[in-house]
Amino acid sequence: MARPTKSVATRTGHMSKKDIDTRLEYEAKLRGDADKIRPPSFLTLPQKKIFKGLVDHLMPAGLLGNIDVHIVAQAAVTINRVQECEKIINETGLVDDEGNINPQVKIKSGYMSEFFRICNELCLSPQARAKLANINANAEAEKVDPLLSIIRGND
């Protein structure tokens, strides 16, 4: 199965500057505005807090647009449900007196699979964050480097 295409900001491999600029332009158009990123009303209070936390952490990277509300909401639900399962497992134990595995373990496993898929969709892995940090740092350095400004003719 082929790997999903990632944002050009998190790509690996060589691309020409023109190809990168073109992809960035199209990604920005598809992402759209980011002025209506609010938690949906169906989320519970804990899920809304998780939603807001995710948005607070992702907005500075410039990856979110209004269209991403649904995936971020699903991430908040998934994280909350994993936490609820973990809480129950901690209270009742991994196995009962007869040695049967707590059913919350299976439920948590399903939500963890969904969580990792969502992390991939939102570039939330440590590797993706490191790439984004490096890209953002390089972009910031290029903005303020006077020599690069002169070379590019941006006096």
C-alpha atoms as a PDB file:
ATOM      1  CA  MET A   1       0.000   0.000   0.000  1.00  0.00           C
ATOM      2  CA  ALA A   2       1.394   3.389  -0.962  1.00  0.00           C
ATOM      3  CA  ARG A   3       2.204   5.927   1.713  1.00  0.00           C
ATOM      4  CA  PRO A   4      -0.095   8.946   1.870  1.00  0.00           C
ATOM      5  CA  THR A   5       1.149  12.205   0.410  1.00  0.00           C
ATOM      6  CA  LYS A   6       2.283  14.632   3.078  1.00  0.00           C
ATOM      7  CA  SER A   7       2.420  18.375   3.091  1.00  0.00           C
ATOM      8  CA  VAL A   8       5.347  19.755   1.125  1.00  0.00           C
ATOM      9  CA  ALA A   9       6.516  21.237   4.443  1.00  0.00           C
ATOM     10  CA  THR A  10       7.127  17.728   5.793  1.00  0.00           C
ATOM     11  CA  ARG A  11       8.341  16.088   2.600  1.00  0.00           C
ATOM     12  CA  THR A  12      11.508  14.090   2.231  1.00  0.00           C
ATOM     13  CA  GLY A  13      13.519  13.842  -0.934  1.00  0.00           C
ATOM     14  CA  HIS A  14      14.541  16.413  -3.476  1.00  0.00           C
ATOM     15  CA  MET A  15      12.160  18.877  -5.084  1.00  0.00           C
ATOM     16  CA  SER A  16      13.017  21.940  -7.114  1.00  0.00           C
ATOM     17  CA  LYS A  17      12.336  25.363  -5.594  1.00  0.00           C
ATOM     18  CA  LYS A  18       9.678  25.946  -8.257  1.00  0.00           C
ATOM     19  CA  ASP A  19       7.908  22.666  -7.410  1.00  0.00           C
ATOM     20  CA  ILE A  20       8.023  23.467  -3.689  1.00  0.00           C
ATOM     21  CA  ASP A  21       6.611  26.961  -4.236  1.00  0.00           C
ATOM     22  CA  THR A  22       3.841  25.611  -6.475  1.00  0.00           C
ATOM     23  CA  ARG A  23       2.876  22.926  -3.946  1.00  0.00           C
ATOM     24  CA  LEU A  24       2.932  25.445  -1.084  1.00  0.00           C
ATOM     25  CA  GLU A  25       0.632  27.747  -3.055  1.00  0.00           C
ATOM     26  CA  TYR A  26      -1.863  24.984  -3.810  1.00  0.00           C
ATOM     27  CA  GLU A  27      -1.767  23.661  -0.245  1.00  0.00           C
ATOM     28  CA  ALA A  28      -2.513  27.158   1.075  1.00  0.00           C
ATOM     29  CA  LYS A  29      -5.463  27.485  -1.308  1.00  0.00           C
ATOM     30  CA  LEU A  30      -6.849  24.091  -0.305  1.00  0.00           C
ATOM     31  CA  ARG A  31      -6.329  24.737   3.411  1.00  0.00           C
ATOM     32  CA  GLY A  32      -8.324  27.942   3.162  1.00  0.00           C
ATOM     33  CA  ASP A  33      -8.906  30.375   5.987  1.00  0.00           C
ATOM     34  CA  ALA A  34      -8.258  29.537   9.621  1.00  0.00           C
ATOM     35  CA  ASP A  35     -10.723  31.947  11.225  1.00  0.00           C
ATOM     36  CA  LYS A  36     -13.473  29.513  12.252  1.00  0.00           C
ATOM     37  CA  ILE A  37     -11.590  26.770  14.049  1.00  0.00           C
ATOM     38  CA  ARG A  38     -13.865  26.171  17.016  1.00  0.00           C
ATOM     39  CA  PRO A  39     -14.812  22.956  18.778  1.00  0.00           C
ATOM     40  CA  PRO A  40     -18.065  21.461  17.489  1.00  0.00           C
ATOM     41  CA  SER A  41     -21.016  21.595  19.888  1.00  0.00           C
ATOM     42  CA  PHE A  42     -21.271  17.789  20.156  1.00  0.00           C
ATOM     43  CA  LEU A  43     -17.931  17.545  21.989  1.00  0.00           C
ATOM     44  CA  THR A  44     -17.967  17.081  25.741  1.00  0.00           C
ATOM     45  CA  LEU A  45     -16.210  19.611  27.976  1.00  0.00           C
ATOM     46  CA  PRO A  46     -13.029  17.471  28.310  1.00  0.00           C
ATOM     47  CA  GLN A  47     -13.022  16.905  24.548  1.00  0.00           C
ATOM     48  CA  LYS A  48     -13.377  20.651  23.928  1.00  0.00           C
ATOM     49  CA  LYS A  49     -10.352  21.278  26.174  1.00  0.00           C
ATOM     50  CA  ILE A  50      -8.338  18.720  24.202  1.00  0.00           C
ATOM     51  CA  PHE A  51      -9.551  20.290  20.936  1.00  0.00           C
ATOM     52  CA  LYS A  52      -8.461  23.764  22.055  1.00  0.00           C
ATOM     53  CA  GLY A  53      -5.093  22.411  23.212  1.00  0.00           C
ATOM     54  CA  LEU A  54      -4.475  20.763  19.844  1.00  0.00           C
ATOM     55  CA  VAL A  55      -5.448  23.923  17.980  1.00  0.00           C
ATOM     56  CA  ASP A  56      -3.207  26.055  20.230  1.00  0.00           C
ATOM     57  CA  HIS A  57      -0.260  23.786  19.435  1.00  0.00           C
ATOM     58  CA  LEU A  58      -0.939  23.389  15.706  1.00  0.00           C
ATOM     59  CA  MET A  59      -1.897  26.936  14.676  1.00  0.00           C
ATOM     60  CA  PRO A  60       1.637  28.390  14.910  1.00  0.00           C
ATOM     61  CA  ALA A  61       2.818  25.774  12.393  1.00  0.00           C
ATOM     62  CA  GLY A  62       0.274  27.103   9.887  1.00  0.00           C
ATOM     63  CA  LEU A  63      -1.072  23.644   9.123  1.00  0.00           C
ATOM     64  CA  LEU A  64      -4.703  24.103  10.117  1.00  0.00           C
ATOM     65  CA  GLY A  65      -7.553  25.543   8.123  1.00  0.00           C
ATOM     66  CA  ASN A  66     -11.273  25.696   8.800  1.00  0.00           C
ATOM     67  CA  ILE A  67     -11.739  22.459   6.901  1.00  0.00           C
ATOM     68  CA  ASP A  68      -9.585  20.632   9.488  1.00  0.00           C
ATOM     69  CA  VAL A  69     -12.091  21.131  12.325  1.00  0.00           C
ATOM     70  CA  HIS A  70     -13.525  17.640  11.816  1.00  0.00           C
ATOM     71  CA  ILE A  71     -10.197  15.786  12.006  1.00  0.00           C
ATOM     72  CA  VAL A  72      -9.132  17.811  15.053  1.00  0.00           C
ATOM     73  CA  ALA A  73     -12.509  17.082  16.682  1.00  0.00           C
ATOM     74  CA  GLN A  74     -12.042  13.376  16.000  1.00  0.00           C
ATOM     75  CA  ALA A  75      -8.554  13.578  17.487  1.00  0.00           C
ATOM     76  CA  ALA A  76     -10.019  15.170  20.635  1.00  0.00           C
ATOM     77  CA  VAL A  77     -12.684  12.449  20.927  1.00  0.00           C
ATOM     78  CA  THR A  78     -10.118   9.708  20.393  1.00  0.00           C
ATOM     79  CA  ILE A  79      -7.669  11.109  22.951  1.00  0.00           C
ATOM     80  CA  ASN A  80     -10.473  11.533  25.478  1.00  0.00           C
ATOM     81  CA  ARG A  81     -11.696   7.963  24.963  1.00  0.00           C
ATOM     82  CA  VAL A  82      -8.187   6.531  25.319  1.00  0.00           C
ATOM     83  CA  GLN A  83      -7.868   8.461  28.586  1.00  0.00           C
ATOM     84  CA  GLU A  84     -11.260   7.145  29.793  1.00  0.00           C
ATOM     85  CA  CYS A  85     -10.269   3.558  28.984  1.00  0.00           C
ATOM     86  CA  GLU A  86      -6.963   4.022  30.788  1.00  0.00           C
ATOM     87  CA  LYS A  87      -8.752   5.426  33.824  1.00  0.00           C
ATOM     88  CA  ILE A  88     -11.046   2.381  33.982  1.00  0.00           C
ATOM     89  CA  ILE A  89      -8.126  -0.013  33.479  1.00  0.00           C
ATOM     90  CA  ASN A  90      -6.254   1.695  36.325  1.00  0.00           C
ATOM     91  CA  GLU A  91      -9.296   1.385  38.608  1.00  0.00           C
ATOM     92  CA  THR A  92     -10.300  -2.183  37.760  1.00  0.00           C
ATOM     93  CA  GLY A  93      -6.999  -3.743  36.689  1.00  0.00           C
ATOM     94  CA  LEU A  94      -5.807  -5.419  33.529  1.00  0.00           C
ATOM     95  CA  VAL A  95      -7.356  -8.767  34.415  1.00  0.00           C
ATOM     96  CA  ASP A  96     -10.208  -9.858  36.655  1.00  0.00           C
ATOM     97  CA  ASP A  97     -10.078 -12.540  39.399  1.00  0.00           C
ATOM     98  CA  GLU A  98     -10.587 -15.314  36.815  1.00  0.00           C
ATOM     99  CA  GLY A  99      -7.701 -14.038  34.660  1.00  0.00           C
ATOM    100  CA  ASN A 100      -9.910 -12.545  31.934  1.00  0.00           C
ATOM    101  CA  ILE A 101      -8.504  -9.460  30.237  1.00  0.00           C
ATOM    102  CA  ASN A 102     -10.366  -6.245  30.979  1.00  0.00           C
ATOM    103  CA  PRO A 103     -12.543  -5.413  27.911  1.00  0.00           C
ATOM    104  CA  GLN A 104     -11.292  -1.813  28.133  1.00  0.00           C
ATOM    105  CA  VAL A 105      -7.898  -3.034  26.898  1.00  0.00           C
ATOM    106  CA  LYS A 106      -9.411  -4.041  23.539  1.00  0.00           C
ATOM    107  CA  ILE A 107     -11.411  -0.818  23.306  1.00  0.00           C
ATOM    108  CA  LYS A 108      -8.302   1.227  24.101  1.00  0.00           C
ATOM    109  CA  SER A 109      -6.329  -0.685  21.455  1.00  0.00           C
ATOM    110  CA  GLY A 110      -8.871   0.270  18.779  1.00  0.00           C
ATOM    111  CA  TYR A 111      -8.772   3.914  19.790  1.00  0.00           C
ATOM    112  CA  MET A 112      -4.966   3.876  19.854  1.00  0.00           C
ATOM    113  CA  SER A 113      -4.923   2.649  16.234  1.00  0.00           C
ATOM    114  CA  GLU A 114      -7.237   5.499  15.312  1.00  0.00           C
ATOM    115  CA  PHE A 115      -5.068   7.927  17.308  1.00  0.00           C
ATOM    116  CA  PHE A 116      -1.925   6.965  15.383  1.00  0.00           C
ATOM    117  CA  ARG A 117      -3.760   7.369  12.066  1.00  0.00           C
ATOM    118  CA  ILE A 118      -4.925  10.837  13.132  1.00  0.00           C
ATOM    119  CA  CYS A 119      -1.403  11.737  14.261  1.00  0.00           C
ATOM    120  CA  ASN A 120      -0.196  10.898  10.768  1.00  0.00           C
ATOM    121  CA  GLU A 121      -2.974  13.016   9.219  1.00  0.00           C
ATOM    122  CA  LEU A 122      -2.110  16.021  11.396  1.00  0.00           C
ATOM    123  CA  CYS A 123       1.697  15.558  11.276  1.00  0.00           C
ATOM    124  CA  LEU A 124       1.828  15.054  15.044  1.00  0.00           C
ATOM    125  CA  SER A 125       4.651  12.531  15.245  1.00  0.00           C
ATOM    126  CA  PRO A 126       7.937  13.644  16.816  1.00  0.00           C
ATOM    127  CA  GLN A 127       9.605  13.188  13.424  1.00  0.00           C
ATOM    128  CA  ALA A 128       7.047  15.420  11.677  1.00  0.00           C
ATOM    129  CA  ARG A 129       7.350  18.069  14.398  1.00  0.00           C
ATOM    130  CA  ALA A 130      11.138  18.022  14.094  1.00  0.00           C
ATOM    131  CA  LYS A 131      10.868  18.523  10.329  1.00  0.00           C
ATOM    132  CA  LEU A 132       8.393  21.373  10.792  1.00  0.00           C
ATOM    133  CA  ALA A 133      10.605  23.005  13.406  1.00  0.00           C
ATOM    134  CA  ASN A 134      13.612  22.769  11.100  1.00  0.00           C
ATOM    135  CA  ILE A 135      11.651  24.160   8.157  1.00  0.00           C
ATOM    136  CA  ASN A 136      10.239  27.013  10.250  1.00  0.00           C
ATOM    137  CA  ALA A 137      13.685  27.832  11.659  1.00  0.00           C
ATOM    138  CA  ASN A 138      15.224  27.873   8.176  1.00  0.00           C
ATOM    139  CA  ALA A 139      12.404  30.055   6.837  1.00  0.00           C
ATOM    140  CA  GLU A 140      12.857  32.480   9.745  1.00  0.00           C
ATOM    141  CA  ALA A 141      16.622  32.602   9.167  1.00  0.00           C
ATOM    142  CA  GLU A 142      16.088  33.331   5.479  1.00  0.00           C
ATOM    143  CA  LYS A 143      13.690  36.167   6.308  1.00  0.00           C
ATOM    144  CA  VAL A 144      16.216  38.021   8.444  1.00  0.00           C
ATOM    145  CA  ASP A 145      19.474  37.132   6.673  1.00  0.00           C
ATOM    146  CA  PRO A 146      20.593  40.409   5.033  1.00  0.00           C
ATOM    147  CA  LEU A 147      23.004  38.627   2.699  1.00  0.00           C
ATOM    148  CA  LEU A 148      20.249  36.414   1.322  1.00  0.00           C
ATOM    149  CA  SER A 149      18.054  39.481   0.891  1.00  0.00           C
ATOM    150  CA  ILE A 150      20.755  41.212  -1.153  1.00  0.00           C
ATOM    151  CA  ILE A 151      21.431  38.095  -3.243  1.00  0.00           C
ATOM    152  CA  ARG A 152      17.734  37.703  -3.989  1.00  0.00           C
ATOM    153  CA  GLY A 153      17.429  41.395  -4.758  1.00  0.00           C
ATOM    154  CA  ASN A 154      15.013  42.121  -1.865  1.00  0.00           C
ATOM    155  CA  ASP A 155      16.891  45.168  -0.617  1.00  0.00           C
END
